[in-house]
Amino acid sequence: MLIVTIPFQTDFPRTAASAGPPPLRRDLSALAERLGITYVDLLEHMNKERANYFLGCDPHWSEAGHELVATVIARWSFYRR
């Protein structure tokens, strides 16, 4: 099983202003480890060039955003069998 959290643009500055990992990431990471499932927080992967990953006119992903997310999810071991 794979659980993925999808960030909204407002999540980036809020996370940057906080010390430590976001509570949702911390809690889901612990739960996933306990249950033996995979958890991916896309916030960690989209942080560097996030302006490129979203459309300028609305909060949806751009082509680059979709490509990044596909690359991240493709790393899941289920797809490497």
C-alpha atoms as a PDB file:
ATOM      1  CA  MET A   1       0.000   0.000   0.000  1.00  0.00           C
ATOM      2  CA  LEU A   2       1.183   3.495  -0.808  1.00  0.00           C
ATOM      3  CA  ILE A   3      -0.072   6.606   0.952  1.00  0.00           C
ATOM      4  CA  VAL A   4       0.760   9.958  -0.644  1.00  0.00           C
ATOM      5  CA  THR A   5       0.023  13.377   0.773  1.00  0.00           C
ATOM      6  CA  ILE A   6      -0.432  16.120  -1.796  1.00  0.00           C
ATOM      7  CA  PRO A   7       0.663  19.621  -0.805  1.00  0.00           C
ATOM      8  CA  PHE A   8      -1.206  22.805  -1.524  1.00  0.00           C
ATOM      9  CA  GLN A   9       0.850  25.911  -2.266  1.00  0.00           C
ATOM     10  CA  THR A  10       0.135  27.379   1.180  1.00  0.00           C
ATOM     11  CA  ASP A  11       1.738  24.335   2.820  1.00  0.00           C
ATOM     12  CA  PHE A  12       5.248  25.340   1.694  1.00  0.00           C
ATOM     13  CA  PRO A  13       5.645  28.635   3.593  1.00  0.00           C
ATOM     14  CA  ARG A  14       3.868  27.245   6.657  1.00  0.00           C
ATOM     15  CA  THR A  15       6.235  24.281   6.749  1.00  0.00           C
ATOM     16  CA  ALA A  16       9.287  26.499   6.215  1.00  0.00           C
ATOM     17  CA  ALA A  17       8.249  28.664   9.167  1.00  0.00           C
ATOM     18  CA  SER A  18       7.890  25.673  11.499  1.00  0.00           C
ATOM     19  CA  ALA A  19      10.598  23.827  13.345  1.00  0.00           C
ATOM     20  CA  GLY A  20      10.803  20.140  12.560  1.00  0.00           C
ATOM     21  CA  PRO A  21       8.650  18.064  10.259  1.00  0.00           C
ATOM     22  CA  PRO A  22       4.953  18.853   9.840  1.00  0.00           C
ATOM     23  CA  PRO A  23       2.766  16.908  12.303  1.00  0.00           C
ATOM     24  CA  LEU A  24       0.910  15.103   9.499  1.00  0.00           C
ATOM     25  CA  ARG A  25       4.185  13.852   7.986  1.00  0.00           C
ATOM     26  CA  ARG A  26       5.501  12.811  11.385  1.00  0.00           C
ATOM     27  CA  ASP A  27       2.320  10.936  12.299  1.00  0.00           C
ATOM     28  CA  LEU A  28       1.793   9.264   8.923  1.00  0.00           C
ATOM     29  CA  SER A  29       5.456   8.246   8.737  1.00  0.00           C
ATOM     30  CA  ALA A  30       5.177   6.575  12.147  1.00  0.00           C
ATOM     31  CA  LEU A  31       1.912   4.868  11.207  1.00  0.00           C
ATOM     32  CA  ALA A  32       3.286   3.655   7.872  1.00  0.00           C
ATOM     33  CA  GLU A  33       6.379   2.238   9.540  1.00  0.00           C
ATOM     34  CA  ARG A  34       4.284   0.471  12.154  1.00  0.00           C
ATOM     35  CA  LEU A  35       1.979  -1.031   9.498  1.00  0.00           C
ATOM     36  CA  GLY A  36       4.756  -1.852   7.030  1.00  0.00           C
ATOM     37  CA  ILE A  37       3.403   0.362   4.239  1.00  0.00           C
ATOM     38  CA  THR A  38       4.980   3.131   2.179  1.00  0.00           C
ATOM     39  CA  TYR A  39       4.304   6.795   2.840  1.00  0.00           C
ATOM     40  CA  VAL A  40       5.437   9.649   0.589  1.00  0.00           C
ATOM     41  CA  ASP A  41       4.983  13.317   1.401  1.00  0.00           C
ATOM     42  CA  LEU A  42       5.170  15.160  -1.920  1.00  0.00           C
ATOM     43  CA  LEU A  43       5.927  18.359  -0.006  1.00  0.00           C
ATOM     44  CA  GLU A  44       9.473  17.064   0.480  1.00  0.00           C
ATOM     45  CA  HIS A  45       9.911  16.463  -3.255  1.00  0.00           C
ATOM     46  CA  MET A  46       8.311  19.644  -4.573  1.00  0.00           C
ATOM     47  CA  ASN A  47       9.987  22.151  -2.291  1.00  0.00           C
ATOM     48  CA  LYS A  48      12.984  23.208  -4.417  1.00  0.00           C
ATOM     49  CA  GLU A  49      11.299  24.435  -7.604  1.00  0.00           C
ATOM     50  CA  ARG A  50       7.719  24.546  -6.433  1.00  0.00           C
ATOM     51  CA  ALA A  51       6.797  27.544  -8.599  1.00  0.00           C
ATOM     52  CA  ASN A  52       7.448  25.354 -11.644  1.00  0.00           C
ATOM     53  CA  TYR A  53       5.240  22.541 -10.352  1.00  0.00           C
ATOM     54  CA  PHE A  54       1.986  24.514 -10.221  1.00  0.00           C
ATOM     55  CA  LEU A  55       0.007  26.408 -12.817  1.00  0.00           C
ATOM     56  CA  GLY A  56       0.110  30.170 -12.485  1.00  0.00           C
ATOM     57  CA  CYS A  57      -3.645  30.588 -12.887  1.00  0.00           C
ATOM     58  CA  ASP A  58      -4.847  28.035 -10.325  1.00  0.00           C
ATOM     59  CA  PRO A  59      -3.502  25.553  -7.748  1.00  0.00           C
ATOM     60  CA  HIS A  60      -3.305  22.550 -10.097  1.00  0.00           C
ATOM     61  CA  TRP A  61      -0.036  20.909 -11.072  1.00  0.00           C
ATOM     62  CA  SER A  62       1.744  21.967 -14.217  1.00  0.00           C
ATOM     63  CA  GLU A  63       3.219  19.474 -16.665  1.00  0.00           C
ATOM     64  CA  ALA A  64       6.458  19.618 -14.653  1.00  0.00           C
ATOM     65  CA  GLY A  65       4.511  18.900 -11.461  1.00  0.00           C
ATOM     66  CA  HIS A  66       2.844  15.860 -12.966  1.00  0.00           C
ATOM     67  CA  GLU A  67       6.180  14.620 -14.257  1.00  0.00           C
ATOM     68  CA  LEU A  68       7.836  15.009 -10.854  1.00  0.00           C
ATOM     69  CA  VAL A  69       5.015  13.224  -9.047  1.00  0.00           C
ATOM     70  CA  ALA A  70       5.050  10.374 -11.582  1.00  0.00           C
ATOM     71  CA  THR A  71       8.805  10.010 -11.067  1.00  0.00           C
ATOM     72  CA  VAL A  72       8.449   9.972  -7.271  1.00  0.00           C
ATOM     73  CA  ILE A  73       5.607   7.452  -7.273  1.00  0.00           C
ATOM     74  CA  ALA A  74       7.413   5.239  -9.814  1.00  0.00           C
ATOM     75  CA  ARG A  75      10.129   4.695  -7.177  1.00  0.00           C
ATOM     76  CA  TRP A  76       7.622   2.728  -5.088  1.00  0.00           C
ATOM     77  CA  SER A  77       8.763  -0.897  -4.904  1.00  0.00           C
ATOM     78  CA  PHE A  78       5.407  -2.154  -6.247  1.00  0.00           C
ATOM     79  CA  TYR A  79       6.363  -0.814  -9.675  1.00  0.00           C
ATOM     80  CA  ARG A  80       9.829  -2.382  -9.618  1.00  0.00           C
ATOM     81  CA  ARG A  81       8.659  -6.006  -9.378  1.00  0.00           C
END
